[in-house]
C-alpha atoms as a PDB file:
ATOM      1  CA  MET A   1       1.901 -40.618  16.683  1.00  0.00           C
ATOM      2  CA  PRO A   2       1.841 -36.710  16.289  1.00  0.00           C
ATOM      3  CA  THR A   3       6.153 -35.804  17.329  1.00  0.00           C
ATOM      4  CA  LEU A   4       6.605 -33.349  19.933  1.00  0.00           C
ATOM      5  CA  PHE A   5       9.703 -31.322  20.212  1.00  0.00           C
ATOM      6  CA  VAL A   6      10.955 -30.759  23.720  1.00  0.00           C
ATOM      7  CA  VAL A   7      13.911 -28.319  25.748  1.00  0.00           C
ATOM      8  CA  ILE A   8      15.358 -28.556  28.519  1.00  0.00           C
ATOM      9  CA  ARG A   9      15.889 -24.796  29.718  1.00  0.00           C
ATOM     10  CA  GLN A  10      18.698 -23.755  31.696  1.00  0.00           C
ATOM     11  CA  GLY A  11      18.002 -22.760  35.364  1.00  0.00           C
ATOM     12  CA  GLY A  12      14.641 -24.777  35.997  1.00  0.00           C
ATOM     13  CA  LEU A  13      14.875 -28.341  37.720  1.00  0.00           C
ATOM     14  CA  TRP A  14      16.523 -31.348  36.006  1.00  0.00           C
ATOM     15  CA  GLY A  15      14.275 -32.931  34.075  1.00  0.00           C
ATOM     16  CA  GLU A  16      11.377 -30.808  33.483  1.00  0.00           C
ATOM     17  CA  CYS A  17      11.228 -30.445  30.442  1.00  0.00           C
ATOM     18  CA  ARG A  18       8.611 -27.670  28.726  1.00  0.00           C
ATOM     19  CA  VAL A  19       6.567 -27.847  24.994  1.00  0.00           C
ATOM     20  CA  ASN A  20       8.374 -24.569  22.693  1.00  0.00           C
ATOM     21  CA  GLN A  21       8.246 -26.702  18.975  1.00  0.00           C
ATOM     22  CA  ILE A  22       4.787 -27.967  17.712  1.00  0.00           C
ATOM     23  CA  LEU A  23       3.982 -29.434  14.288  1.00  0.00           C
ATOM     24  CA  PRO A  24       1.176 -30.062  12.132  1.00  0.00           C
ATOM     25  CA  ILE A  25       0.107 -33.628  12.331  1.00  0.00           C
ATOM     26  CA  ALA A  26      -2.200 -33.905   8.689  1.00  0.00           C
ATOM     27  CA  GLY A  27      -3.301 -31.992   5.823  1.00  0.00           C
ATOM     28  CA  ALA A  28      -5.325 -28.222   7.099  1.00  0.00           C
ATOM     29  CA  ILE A  29      -7.970 -30.367   4.624  1.00  0.00           C
ATOM     30  CA  LYS A  30      -9.113 -33.724   5.014  1.00  0.00           C
ATOM     31  CA  GLY A  31      -7.031 -35.992   2.552  1.00  0.00           C
ATOM     32  CA  SER A  32      -4.140 -33.659   2.050  1.00  0.00           C
ATOM     33  CA  ARG A  33      -0.848 -33.937   2.799  1.00  0.00           C
ATOM     34  CA  CYS A  34       0.433 -32.991   6.231  1.00  0.00           C
ATOM     35  CA  PRO A  35       2.579 -29.231   6.376  1.00  0.00           C
ATOM     36  CA  LYS A  36       6.219 -28.983   6.929  1.00  0.00           C
ATOM     37  CA  THR A  37       5.174 -26.134   8.817  1.00  0.00           C
ATOM     38  CA  ALA A  38       7.252 -25.652  12.569  1.00  0.00           C
ATOM     39  CA  LEU A  39       5.964 -23.686  15.266  1.00  0.00           C
ATOM     40  CA  THR A  40       8.338 -22.648  17.822  1.00  0.00           C
ATOM     41  CA  SER A  41       8.514 -20.375  20.940  1.00  0.00           C
ATOM     42  CA  ASP A  42      10.585 -17.779  22.385  1.00  0.00           C
ATOM     43  CA  GLY A  43       8.367 -16.263  25.010  1.00  0.00           C
ATOM     44  CA  GLN A  44       5.773 -15.048  23.811  1.00  0.00           C
ATOM     45  CA  THR A  45       7.096 -14.434  19.981  1.00  0.00           C
ATOM     46  CA  LEU A  46       6.829 -17.466  18.353  1.00  0.00           C
ATOM     47  CA  ALA A  47       8.432 -17.834  15.134  1.00  0.00           C
ATOM     48  CA  ALA A  48       6.596 -20.627  11.890  1.00  0.00           C
ATOM     49  CA  THR A  49       9.015 -22.664   9.575  1.00  0.00           C
ATOM     50  CA  ASP A  50       8.180 -23.532   6.175  1.00  0.00           C
ATOM     51  CA  GLN A  51      10.603 -26.745   5.270  1.00  0.00           C
ATOM     52  CA  ALA A  52       8.806 -27.269   2.277  1.00  0.00           C
ATOM     53  CA  THR A  53      10.049 -24.024   1.307  1.00  0.00           C
ATOM     54  CA  GLY A  54      12.970 -22.596   3.319  1.00  0.00           C
ATOM     55  CA  HIS A  55      10.995 -19.848   4.866  1.00  0.00           C
ATOM     56  CA  SER A  56      10.407 -17.728   8.094  1.00  0.00           C
ATOM     57  CA  VAL A  57       8.846 -15.244  10.107  1.00  0.00           C
ATOM     58  CA  ARG A  58       8.116 -14.268  13.724  1.00  0.00           C
ATOM     59  CA  VAL A  59       5.485 -12.467  14.844  1.00  0.00           C
ATOM     60  CA  THR A  60       4.023 -11.537  18.922  1.00  0.00           C
ATOM     61  CA  PRO A  61       0.602 -12.142  18.621  1.00  0.00           C
ATOM     62  CA  THR A  62      -1.514 -11.289  20.760  1.00  0.00           C
ATOM     63  CA  ARG A  63      -3.570 -14.735  20.916  1.00  0.00           C
ATOM     64  CA  LEU A  64      -3.939 -18.078  19.324  1.00  0.00           C
ATOM     65  CA  TYR A  65      -6.432 -19.342  16.817  1.00  0.00           C
ATOM     66  CA  HIS A  66      -8.361 -23.077  16.442  1.00  0.00           C
ATOM     67  CA  TYR A  67     -10.094 -23.079  13.732  1.00  0.00           C
ATOM     68  CA  ASN A  68     -12.194 -25.372  11.469  1.00  0.00           C
ATOM     69  CA  TYR A  69     -14.826 -23.890   9.231  1.00  0.00           C
ATOM     70  CA  ASP A  70     -16.620 -25.819   6.278  1.00  0.00           C
ATOM     71  CA  GLN A  71     -17.400 -23.772   3.138  1.00  0.00           C
ATOM     72  CA  GLN A  72     -20.569 -24.271   0.630  1.00  0.00           C
ATOM     73  CA  VAL A  73     -19.900 -24.294  -3.041  1.00  0.00           C
ATOM     74  CA  THR A  74     -22.152 -25.457  -5.608  1.00  0.00           C
ATOM     75  CA  ILE A  75     -20.327 -26.906  -8.800  1.00  0.00           C
ATOM     76  CA  ALA A  76     -21.196 -28.786 -12.665  1.00  0.00           C
ATOM     77  CA  ASN A  77     -25.172 -29.499 -12.886  1.00  0.00           C
ATOM     78  CA  SER A  78     -25.701 -27.647  -9.102  1.00  0.00           C
ATOM     79  CA  LYS A  79     -24.316 -29.952  -7.222  1.00  0.00           C
ATOM     80  CA  GLN A  80     -23.467 -28.922  -4.069  1.00  0.00           C
ATOM     81  CA  LYS A  81     -20.352 -29.940  -2.856  1.00  0.00           C
ATOM     82  CA  ARG A  82     -19.055 -28.833   0.934  1.00  0.00           C
ATOM     83  CA  HIS A  83     -15.447 -28.966   2.013  1.00  0.00           C
ATOM     84  CA  SER A  84     -13.335 -28.130   5.718  1.00  0.00           C
ATOM     85  CA  SER A  85     -10.226 -26.590   6.289  1.00  0.00           C
ATOM     86  CA  GLN A  86      -8.184 -25.956   9.814  1.00  0.00           C
ATOM     87  CA  GLY A  87      -5.020 -24.591  11.232  1.00  0.00           C
ATOM     88  CA  VAL A  88      -3.993 -22.368  13.305  1.00  0.00           C
ATOM     89  CA  ALA A  89      -3.714 -18.814  13.441  1.00  0.00           C
ATOM     90  CA  ALA A  90      -1.944 -15.667  15.486  1.00  0.00           C
ATOM     91  CA  LEU A  91      -3.811 -12.318  15.845  1.00  0.00           C
ATOM     92  CA  ASP A  92      -2.647  -9.022  16.176  1.00  0.00           C
ATOM     93  CA  ALA A  93      -5.240  -7.256  19.717  1.00  0.00           C
ATOM     94  CA  ASP A  94      -7.324  -5.560  16.926  1.00  0.00           C
ATOM     95  CA  GLY A  95      -8.032  -9.395  16.193  1.00  0.00           C
ATOM     96  CA  LEU A  96      -6.325  -9.032  12.626  1.00  0.00           C
ATOM     97  CA  VAL A  97      -4.061 -12.522  11.414  1.00  0.00           C
ATOM     98  CA  LEU A  98      -0.236 -11.571  11.989  1.00  0.00           C
ATOM     99  CA  LEU A  99       0.548 -15.281  10.290  1.00  0.00           C
ATOM    100  CA  ASP A 100      -1.882 -18.209   8.710  1.00  0.00           C
ATOM    101  CA  LEU A 101      -0.699 -21.973   9.616  1.00  0.00           C
ATOM    102  CA  PRO A 102      -3.099 -24.223   7.570  1.00  0.00           C
ATOM    103  CA  GLY A 103      -3.029 -28.007   8.908  1.00  0.00           C
ATOM    104  CA  GLU A 104      -4.782 -30.100  11.619  1.00  0.00           C
ATOM    105  CA  TRP A 105      -3.292 -29.130  14.930  1.00  0.00           C
ATOM    106  CA  HIS A 106      -2.895 -32.059  17.636  1.00  0.00           C
ATOM    107  CA  ALA A 107      -5.482 -29.995  20.176  1.00  0.00           C
ATOM    108  CA  SER A 108      -4.452 -30.287  24.029  1.00  0.00           C
ATOM    109  CA  HIS A 109      -0.188 -30.349  22.242  1.00  0.00           C
ATOM    110  CA  LEU A 110      -0.825 -27.010  21.341  1.00  0.00           C
ATOM    111  CA  LYS A 111      -2.737 -26.094  24.525  1.00  0.00           C
ATOM    112  CA  ASP A 112       0.725 -26.504  26.075  1.00  0.00           C
ATOM    113  CA  PHE A 113       2.012 -25.097  23.586  1.00  0.00           C
ATOM    114  CA  ALA A 114      -0.096 -21.646  24.284  1.00  0.00           C
ATOM    115  CA  HIS A 115       0.034 -21.872  28.101  1.00  0.00           C
ATOM    116  CA  GLN A 116       3.877 -22.285  27.920  1.00  0.00           C
ATOM    117  CA  ALA A 117       5.030 -19.080  25.598  1.00  0.00           C
ATOM    118  CA  GLY A 118       2.165 -16.952  28.053  1.00  0.00           C
ATOM    119  CA  ILE A 119      -0.154 -16.445  24.617  1.00  0.00           C
ATOM    120  CA  PRO A 120      -3.751 -17.173  24.941  1.00  0.00           C
ATOM    121  CA  LEU A 121      -5.153 -19.696  23.257  1.00  0.00           C
ATOM    122  CA  GLU A 122      -9.136 -19.238  21.908  1.00  0.00           C
ATOM    123  CA  ASP A 123     -10.367 -22.542  20.342  1.00  0.00           C
ATOM    124  CA  ALA A 124     -12.881 -21.738  17.516  1.00  0.00           C
ATOM    125  CA  ARG A 125     -13.603 -24.891  16.096  1.00  0.00           C
ATOM    126  CA  ALA A 126     -17.254 -24.732  17.401  1.00  0.00           C
ATOM    127  CA  GLU A 127     -18.118 -21.637  15.978  1.00  0.00           C
ATOM    128  CA  PRO A 128     -20.016 -20.573  12.998  1.00  0.00           C
ATOM    129  CA  SER A 129     -18.083 -21.205   9.910  1.00  0.00           C
ATOM    130  CA  VAL A 130     -19.536 -18.032   8.310  1.00  0.00           C
ATOM    131  CA  ASN A 131     -17.462 -15.261  11.705  1.00  0.00           C
ATOM    132  CA  VAL A 132     -14.511 -18.326  11.286  1.00  0.00           C
ATOM    133  CA  ARG A 133     -13.857 -16.446   7.403  1.00  0.00           C
ATOM    134  CA  ARG A 134     -14.883 -12.760   8.390  1.00  0.00           C
ATOM    135  CA  VAL A 135     -11.835 -13.674  11.580  1.00  0.00           C
ATOM    136  CA  LEU A 136      -8.703 -15.829   8.410  1.00  0.00           C
ATOM    137  CA  ALA A 137     -10.036 -12.791   5.825  1.00  0.00           C
ATOM    138  CA  ALA A 138      -8.756 -10.227   8.395  1.00  0.00           C
ATOM    139  CA  ARG A 139      -5.326  -9.634   7.348  1.00  0.00           C
ATOM    140  CA  ALA A 140      -3.032  -6.988   9.056  1.00  0.00           C
ATOM    141  CA  PRO A 141      -0.291  -5.008   7.888  1.00  0.00           C
ATOM    142  CA  GLY A 142       2.743  -7.578   6.746  1.00  0.00           C
ATOM    143  CA  TRP A 143       0.332 -11.354   6.866  1.00  0.00           C
ATOM    144  CA  GLN A 144       1.218 -14.497   5.719  1.00  0.00           C
ATOM    145  CA  ARG A 145       0.121 -17.911   5.083  1.00  0.00           C
ATOM    146  CA  LEU A 146       2.883 -20.420   5.157  1.00  0.00           C
ATOM    147  CA  ARG A 147       1.449 -24.242   3.797  1.00  0.00           C
ATOM    148  CA  GLY A 148       4.730 -25.647   4.479  1.00  0.00           C
ATOM    149  CA  LEU A 149       3.552 -27.862   1.070  1.00  0.00           C
ATOM    150  CA  SER A 150       6.151 -27.761  -2.255  1.00  0.00           C
ATOM    151  CA  ALA A 151       4.871 -26.985  -5.640  1.00  0.00           C
ATOM    152  CA  SER A 152       3.980 -29.008  -8.010  1.00  0.00           C
ATOM    153  CA  SER A 153       6.225 -28.674 -10.792  1.00  0.00           C
ATOM    154  CA  LEU A 154       7.118 -30.853 -13.852  1.00  0.00           C
ATOM    155  CA  ARG A 155      10.481 -31.595 -14.318  1.00  0.00           C
ATOM    156  CA  LYS A 156      12.241 -31.913 -16.886  1.00  0.00           C
ATOM    157  CA  TRP A 157      12.135 -35.558 -18.310  1.00  0.00           C
ATOM    158  CA  GLN A 158       8.534 -35.897 -16.734  1.00  0.00           C
ATOM    159  CA  LYS A 159       6.468 -32.900 -19.078  1.00  0.00           C
ATOM    160  CA  PRO A 160       7.541 -35.297 -22.726  1.00  0.00           C
ATOM    161  CA  MET A 161       6.152 -38.643 -20.829  1.00  0.00           C
ATOM    162  CA  VAL A 162       2.756 -36.354 -19.981  1.00  0.00           C
ATOM    163  CA  ILE A 163       2.311 -35.227 -23.971  1.00  0.00           C
ATOM    164  CA  PHE A 164       3.011 -39.152 -24.337  1.00  0.00           C
ATOM    165  CA  ALA A 165       0.679 -40.334 -21.522  1.00  0.00           C
ATOM    166  CA  GLY A 166      -1.745 -37.687 -23.493  1.00  0.00           C
ATOM    167  CA  VAL A 167      -1.348 -38.679 -26.222  1.00  0.00           C
ATOM    168  CA  THR A 168      -1.331 -43.018 -25.309  1.00  0.00           C
ATOM    169  CA  GLY A 169      -3.983 -42.162 -23.598  1.00  0.00           C
ATOM    170  CA  ALA A 170      -6.870 -40.176 -25.716  1.00  0.00           C
ATOM    171  CA  ALA A 171      -5.825 -43.771 -28.592  1.00  0.00           C
ATOM    172  CA  LEU A 172      -7.313 -46.627 -26.128  1.00  0.00           C
ATOM    173  CA  MET A 173     -10.282 -44.206 -25.153  1.00  0.00           C
ATOM    174  CA  VAL A 174     -10.916 -44.338 -28.821  1.00  0.00           C
ATOM    175  CA  TYR A 175      -9.615 -46.988 -30.158  1.00  0.00           C
ATOM    176  CA  LEU A 176     -11.727 -48.947 -26.810  1.00  0.00           C
ATOM    177  CA  THR A 177     -14.942 -46.486 -27.862  1.00  0.00           C
ATOM    178  CA  SER A 178     -14.965 -47.946 -31.414  1.00  0.00           C
ATOM    179  CA  LEU A 179     -15.447 -51.640 -29.807  1.00  0.00           C
ATOM    180  CA  GLY A 180     -18.362 -49.817 -28.745  1.00  0.00           C
ATOM    181  CA  ILE A 181     -16.932 -51.476 -24.836  1.00  0.00           C
ATOM    182  CA  TRP A 182     -16.648 -46.909 -23.799  1.00  0.00           C
ATOM    183  CA  GLY A 183     -17.321 -49.066 -19.542  1.00  0.00           C
ATOM    184  CA  ALA A 184     -13.701 -50.613 -19.892  1.00  0.00           C
ATOM    185  CA  TRP A 185     -12.171 -46.967 -20.786  1.00  0.00           C
ATOM    186  CA  ARG A 186     -14.497 -45.820 -17.549  1.00  0.00           C
ATOM    187  CA  GLY A 187     -14.080 -48.845 -15.753  1.00  0.00           C
ATOM    188  CA  LEU A 188      -9.695 -48.371 -16.580  1.00  0.00           C
ATOM    189  CA  SER A 189      -9.591 -44.479 -15.816  1.00  0.00           C
ATOM    190  CA  ALA A 190     -11.275 -45.346 -12.235  1.00  0.00           C
ATOM    191  CA  ILE A 191      -8.725 -47.851 -11.305  1.00  0.00           C
ATOM    192  CA  GLY A 192      -6.251 -45.548 -12.965  1.00  0.00           C
ATOM    193  CA  HIS A 193      -6.626 -42.304 -11.317  1.00  0.00           C
ATOM    194  CA  VAL A 194      -6.627 -44.692  -7.782  1.00  0.00           C
ATOM    195  CA  VAL A 195      -2.773 -46.278  -8.849  1.00  0.00           C
ATOM    196  CA  LEU A 196      -1.640 -42.685  -9.374  1.00  0.00           C
ATOM    197  CA  ASP A 197      -2.706 -41.274  -6.146  1.00  0.00           C
ATOM    198  CA  LEU A 198      -0.880 -44.150  -4.468  1.00  0.00           C
ATOM    199  CA  LEU A 199       2.034 -43.542  -5.611  1.00  0.00           C
ATOM    200  CA  ASP A 200       2.019 -40.398  -5.821  1.00  0.00           C
ATOM    201  CA  ALA A 201       2.331 -39.825  -9.414  1.00  0.00           C
ATOM    202  CA  LYS A 202      -1.183 -37.345 -10.595  1.00  0.00           C
ATOM    203  CA  TRP A 203       1.358 -35.141 -12.533  1.00  0.00           C
ATOM    204  CA  LEU A 204       0.183 -38.743 -15.440  1.00  0.00           C
ATOM    205  CA  ALA A 205      -2.928 -38.758 -14.518  1.00  0.00           C
ATOM    206  CA  VAL A 206      -3.201 -37.210 -17.841  1.00  0.00           C
ATOM    207  CA  ALA A 207      -2.525 -39.870 -19.109  1.00  0.00           C
ATOM    208  CA  PHE A 208      -6.878 -41.819 -17.901  1.00  0.00           C
ATOM    209  CA  SER A 209      -7.782 -38.096 -18.475  1.00  0.00           C
ATOM    210  CA  PRO A 210      -6.052 -37.384 -22.602  1.00  0.00           C
ATOM    211  CA  LEU A 211      -8.320 -34.117 -22.842  1.00  0.00           C
ATOM    212  CA  LEU A 212      -6.249 -32.267 -20.469  1.00  0.00           C
ATOM    213  CA  LEU A 213      -3.878 -31.712 -22.967  1.00  0.00           C
ATOM    214  CA  VAL A 214      -5.636 -29.387 -24.766  1.00  0.00           C
ATOM    215  CA  ILE A 215      -9.209 -28.263 -22.185  1.00  0.00           C
ATOM    216  CA  ARG A 216      -6.325 -26.716 -19.533  1.00  0.00           C
ATOM    217  CA  PRO A 217      -5.037 -24.424 -22.429  1.00  0.00           C
ATOM    218  CA  VAL A 218      -7.913 -23.913 -23.306  1.00  0.00           C
ATOM    219  CA  THR A 219      -9.435 -23.376 -20.595  1.00  0.00           C
ATOM    220  CA  THR A 220      -6.947 -20.251 -19.382  1.00  0.00           C
ATOM    221  CA  ARG A 221      -7.238 -18.835 -23.061  1.00  0.00           C
ATOM    222  CA  LEU A 222     -10.271 -18.281 -22.103  1.00  0.00           C
ATOM    223  CA  HIS A 223     -10.923 -17.624 -18.730  1.00  0.00           C
ATOM    224  CA  ARG A 224      -8.064 -14.147 -19.788  1.00  0.00           C
ATOM    225  CA  ARG A 225     -10.231 -13.263 -23.052  1.00  0.00           C
ATOM    226  CA  ARG A 226     -13.210 -12.828 -20.577  1.00  0.00           C
ATOM    227  CA  VAL A 227     -12.113 -11.599 -18.454  1.00  0.00           C
ATOM    228  CA  LYS A 228     -10.459  -8.738 -21.081  1.00  0.00           C
ATOM    229  CA  LYS A 229     -13.817  -8.567 -22.127  1.00  0.00           C
ATOM    230  CA  GLY A 230     -15.228  -7.966 -18.729  1.00  0.00           C
ATOM    231  CA  THR A 231     -17.048 -11.030 -17.950  1.00  0.00           C
ATOM    232  CA  ALA A 232     -15.362 -11.752 -15.753  1.00  0.00           C
ATOM    233  CA  LEU A 233     -12.915 -10.488 -12.957  1.00  0.00           C
ATOM    234  CA  SER A 234      -9.731 -11.591 -11.637  1.00  0.00           C
ATOM    235  CA  SER A 235      -7.480 -12.394  -8.270  1.00  0.00           C
ATOM    236  CA  THR A 236      -3.974 -13.088  -8.031  1.00  0.00           C
ATOM    237  CA  GLY A 237      -5.186 -16.335  -5.763  1.00  0.00           C
ATOM    238  CA  GLY A 238      -7.256 -17.396  -7.968  1.00  0.00           C
ATOM    239  CA  LEU A 239     -10.591 -15.734  -6.602  1.00  0.00           C
ATOM    240  CA  TYR A 240     -12.913 -14.208  -9.735  1.00  0.00           C
ATOM    241  CA  LEU A 241     -15.949 -12.992 -10.439  1.00  0.00           C
ATOM    242  CA  SER A 242     -18.209 -14.155 -12.468  1.00  0.00           C
ATOM    243  CA  THR A 243     -21.978 -12.956 -12.909  1.00  0.00           C
ATOM    244  CA  LYS A 244     -25.402 -15.390 -14.492  1.00  0.00           C
ATOM    245  CA  PRO A 245     -28.176 -14.215 -16.597  1.00  0.00           C
ATOM    246  CA  ASN A 246     -30.642 -14.178 -13.719  1.00  0.00           C
ATOM    247  CA  ASN A 247     -28.452 -11.047 -12.440  1.00  0.00           C
ATOM    248  CA  LYS A 248     -26.269 -12.626  -9.721  1.00  0.00           C
ATOM    249  CA  LEU A 249     -23.030 -11.991  -8.813  1.00  0.00           C
ATOM    250  CA  LEU A 250     -20.449 -14.953  -8.815  1.00  0.00           C
ATOM    251  CA  VAL A 251     -17.977 -15.262  -6.478  1.00  0.00           C
ATOM    252  CA  ASN A 252     -16.024 -18.423  -8.179  1.00  0.00           C
ATOM    253  CA  HIS A 253     -12.400 -20.941  -7.090  1.00  0.00           C
ATOM    254  CA  GLY A 254     -11.866 -22.359 -10.235  1.00  0.00           C
ATOM    255  CA  ASN A 255     -15.390 -24.562 -11.286  1.00  0.00           C
ATOM    256  CA  GLU A 256     -16.850 -23.802  -7.895  1.00  0.00           C
ATOM    257  CA  VAL A 257     -19.298 -20.818  -6.723  1.00  0.00           C
ATOM    258  CA  LEU A 258     -18.471 -19.826  -3.077  1.00  0.00           C
ATOM    259  CA  ALA A 259     -21.414 -17.685  -3.331  1.00  0.00           C
ATOM    260  CA  GLU A 260     -24.102 -15.331  -5.146  1.00  0.00           C
ATOM    261  CA  LEU A 261     -25.280 -12.024  -4.519  1.00  0.00           C
ATOM    262  CA  ARG A 262     -27.576 -10.405  -6.287  1.00  0.00           C
ATOM    263  CA  ILE A 263     -26.752  -7.084  -8.167  1.00  0.00           C
ATOM    264  CA  GLY A 264     -29.250  -4.741  -7.425  1.00  0.00           C
ATOM    265  CA  GLU A 265     -30.364  -1.334  -5.445  1.00  0.00           C
ATOM    266  CA  ALA A 266     -31.914  -2.228  -3.146  1.00  0.00           C
ATOM    267  CA  PRO A 267     -30.062  -3.047   1.014  1.00  0.00           C
ATOM    268  CA  GLY A 268     -29.006  -6.250   0.537  1.00  0.00           C
ATOM    269  CA  GLN A 269     -27.894  -6.758  -2.695  1.00  0.00           C
ATOM    270  CA  ALA A 270     -24.689  -5.913  -4.630  1.00  0.00           C
ATOM    271  CA  PHE A 271     -23.986  -2.301  -6.289  1.00  0.00           C
ATOM    272  CA  ARG A 272     -20.405  -1.695  -5.591  1.00  0.00           C
ATOM    273  CA  LEU A 273     -17.614  -2.875  -5.696  1.00  0.00           C
ATOM    274  CA  LEU A 274     -14.621  -0.859  -3.298  1.00  0.00           C
ATOM    275  CA  LEU A 275     -11.127  -1.811  -3.986  1.00  0.00           C
ATOM    276  CA  TYR A 276      -9.216  -0.577  -1.062  1.00  0.00           C
ATOM    277  CA  ARG A 277      -5.549  -0.254   0.319  1.00  0.00           C
ATOM    278  CA  TYR A 278      -4.428   0.026   3.512  1.00  0.00           C
ATOM    279  CA  ASP A 279      -1.104  -0.485   5.196  1.00  0.00           C
ATOM    280  CA  GLY A 280       0.166  -2.849   2.173  1.00  0.00           C
ATOM    281  CA  LEU A 281      -3.046  -5.216   1.879  1.00  0.00           C
ATOM    282  CA  THR A 282      -5.274  -4.914  -0.920  1.00  0.00           C
ATOM    283  CA  GLY A 283      -8.696  -6.423  -1.311  1.00  0.00           C
ATOM    284  CA  LEU A 284     -11.522  -6.379  -2.908  1.00  0.00           C
ATOM    285  CA  PHE A 285     -15.432  -5.524  -0.877  1.00  0.00           C
ATOM    286  CA  ILE A 286     -19.177  -6.125  -2.846  1.00  0.00           C
ATOM    287  CA  LEU A 287     -21.009  -3.672  -0.812  1.00  0.00           C
ATOM    288  CA  ASP A 288     -25.178  -2.434  -1.238  1.00  0.00           C
ATOM    289  CA  ARG A 289     -25.638   1.118  -2.178  1.00  0.00           C
ATOM    290  CA  THR A 290     -26.295   1.453   1.638  1.00  0.00           C
ATOM    291  CA  GLY A 291     -22.495   1.115   1.663  1.00  0.00           C
ATOM    292  CA  ARG A 292     -22.589  -2.371   4.390  1.00  0.00           C
ATOM    293  CA  SER A 293     -19.820  -4.715   3.072  1.00  0.00           C
ATOM    294  CA  LEU A 294     -21.571  -7.385   1.482  1.00  0.00           C
ATOM    295  CA  HIS A 295     -18.361  -9.752   1.465  1.00  0.00           C
ATOM    296  CA  HIS A 296     -14.266  -9.089   2.012  1.00  0.00           C
ATOM    297  CA  LEU A 297     -12.310 -11.068  -1.079  1.00  0.00           C
ATOM    298  CA  PRO A 298      -8.499 -10.375   0.356  1.00  0.00           C
ATOM    299  CA  GLY A 299      -6.336  -9.771  -2.424  1.00  0.00           C
ATOM    300  CA  LEU A 300      -5.278  -8.196  -5.241  1.00  0.00           C
ATOM    301  CA  TRP A 301      -7.711  -7.564  -8.153  1.00  0.00           C
ATOM    302  CA  PRO A 302      -6.167  -5.361 -10.644  1.00  0.00           C
ATOM    303  CA  PRO A 303      -7.624  -1.731 -10.910  1.00  0.00           C
ATOM    304  CA  GLU A 304      -8.107  -1.645 -15.205  1.00  0.00           C
ATOM    305  CA  ASP A 305     -10.507  -5.339 -14.425  1.00  0.00           C
ATOM    306  CA  ALA A 306     -12.212  -4.289 -12.171  1.00  0.00           C
ATOM    307  CA  ASN A 307     -13.229  -1.109 -13.960  1.00  0.00           C
ATOM    308  CA  ARG A 308     -14.112  -2.831 -17.020  1.00  0.00           C
ATOM    309  CA  PHE A 309     -16.127  -5.497 -14.919  1.00  0.00           C
ATOM    310  CA  ALA A 310     -17.743  -3.103 -13.375  1.00  0.00           C
ATOM    311  CA  THR A 311     -18.856  -1.120 -16.749  1.00  0.00           C
ATOM    312  CA  ARG A 312     -19.654  -4.436 -18.105  1.00  0.00           C
ATOM    313  CA  HIS A 313     -22.573  -5.202 -14.998  1.00  0.00           C
ATOM    314  CA  ASN A 314     -23.644  -1.388 -14.561  1.00  0.00           C
ATOM    315  CA  LEU A 315     -21.997  -1.910 -10.905  1.00  0.00           C
ATOM    316  CA  SER A 316     -20.497   1.054  -9.549  1.00  0.00           C
ATOM    317  CA  LEU A 317     -16.867   0.970  -8.352  1.00  0.00           C
ATOM    318  CA  SER A 318     -14.375   2.896  -6.360  1.00  0.00           C
ATOM    319  CA  ALA A 319     -10.917   2.668  -5.747  1.00  0.00           C
ATOM    320  CA  HIS A 320      -9.943   4.095  -1.774  1.00  0.00           C
ATOM    321  CA  ARG A 321      -6.678   4.471   1.236  1.00  0.00           C
ATOM    322  CA  LEU A 322      -7.864   2.957   3.912  1.00  0.00           C
ATOM    323  CA  THR A 323      -7.118   3.829   7.370  1.00  0.00           C
ATOM    324  CA  ARG A 324      -7.366   1.793   9.990  1.00  0.00           C
ATOM    325  CA  ASP A 325     -10.358   2.504  11.469  1.00  0.00           C
ATOM    326  CA  GLU A 326     -12.375   2.328   8.693  1.00  0.00           C
ATOM    327  CA  TYR A 327     -10.462  -0.853   7.613  1.00  0.00           C
ATOM    328  CA  LEU A 328     -11.221  -2.556  10.995  1.00  0.00           C
ATOM    329  CA  THR A 329     -15.061  -0.888  10.453  1.00  0.00           C
ATOM    330  CA  PHE A 330     -15.744  -2.901   7.412  1.00  0.00           C
ATOM    331  CA  LEU A 331     -14.381  -6.240   8.632  1.00  0.00           C
ATOM    332  CA  ASN A 332     -16.162  -6.049  11.201  1.00  0.00           C
ATOM    333  CA  SER A 333     -18.909  -5.232  10.063  1.00  0.00           C
ATOM    334  CA  THR A 334     -19.280  -7.544   6.802  1.00  0.00           C
ATOM    335  CA  GLN A 335     -21.895  -9.860   6.094  1.00  0.00           C
ATOM    336  CA  GLU A 336     -19.445 -12.716   4.744  1.00  0.00           C
ATOM    337  CA  ALA A 337     -15.909 -13.198   3.622  1.00  0.00           C
ATOM    338  CA  THR A 338     -13.216 -15.395   1.918  1.00  0.00           C
ATOM    339  CA  PRO A 339     -10.101 -15.782   3.114  1.00  0.00           C
END
C-alpha cells in the first residue's frame, strides 16, 4: 500500500486531517525502481525533495499535470519496441514545465493532494502520447527534473571485481564454446542475469556478458570520433542525431531510434537545425524549409559540433536567442518532441 503523510493544522477541528505530502508508489517505467521523491504543499507553493540526493526545489505552479505516454522506438534489425513513462509535472500559466517528477503516483491520492493545495489537476494519462511529449519538452526557465534515484557508481572495491568477473566469464565462455556446448553458456548467462537482478548486483553483469569490458569503452570512443567528424551530433542529455544512407535524419538514444525524418527541401522534410537559447534554456528545433518545427529536442547541443554535422549533411544551421513569444510559438507549433 502507498504511504501517505497527513498533518493536523492548527485552527481546524480536532481530528481534521489534511493531506499535505505525497510520495510516488512505483517507478516511472514498469519494473523500474520507485523514486525517492516527496511532494509537499504549503498553500499553493509546492516543495519537491529528492531524498536520494538531498536536493529540493520550490515552485508555485498554475496546475499539476498527471501524465503517461508511450514512445515507439526502433532497435537492432528494425525491431519495434514500446516504452511507457509516467509522472507528474508542475506547469506555469503558459503550460511550460517548472518541475518534472517521473514516477507512478496514486491517482486518487494525487487528486486529494491537489485539491487540498488549491491547485488544479489535469489528468493527461489518456491524452495522445505525442501531445504529452510536446508538453513535457516545453520547459520553463529554471526547469528541473527530480528523478529520486541514486547514481549507480562503482565502489572502489567493486572495480577490480568487475574486471576479474569479466575475465573469468570470458574464459568460461571460450571453454564451453570449445567443447561445443555454446547453448550451456547461453543458459548460464540468462540465469546469471536473473540472479543479479534479484540481488540488485547488476554491476557484476559483465561476468555473464564479458564482451562489455571491451565493447563499452570502444563504442564510447567511436561515438566521440563520429561527433568530431560530423557524422553524429550529441547533446548532454544522451540524445544524438545521426543519418541513414537513404537521406534520413535519425533521433537516437543509446541503440534506440526514437524518430526518423527525411532530409530535403519539401514541406515536412528536415531542412534546418535551429539552436536556441531562451532565458537560460537551450535546445534544438528541427525545421522544414517553411520554418515549421518538425521536432523539438531540449538540452545543450554544442554549436561547433552542430556546425560540422549540418555541413556534412547539407542541412542549414542557425542559432538564435528567442523571445518568450517566439519560444512559445515554436513550442505550440512543433509536430513532435522528445522530453
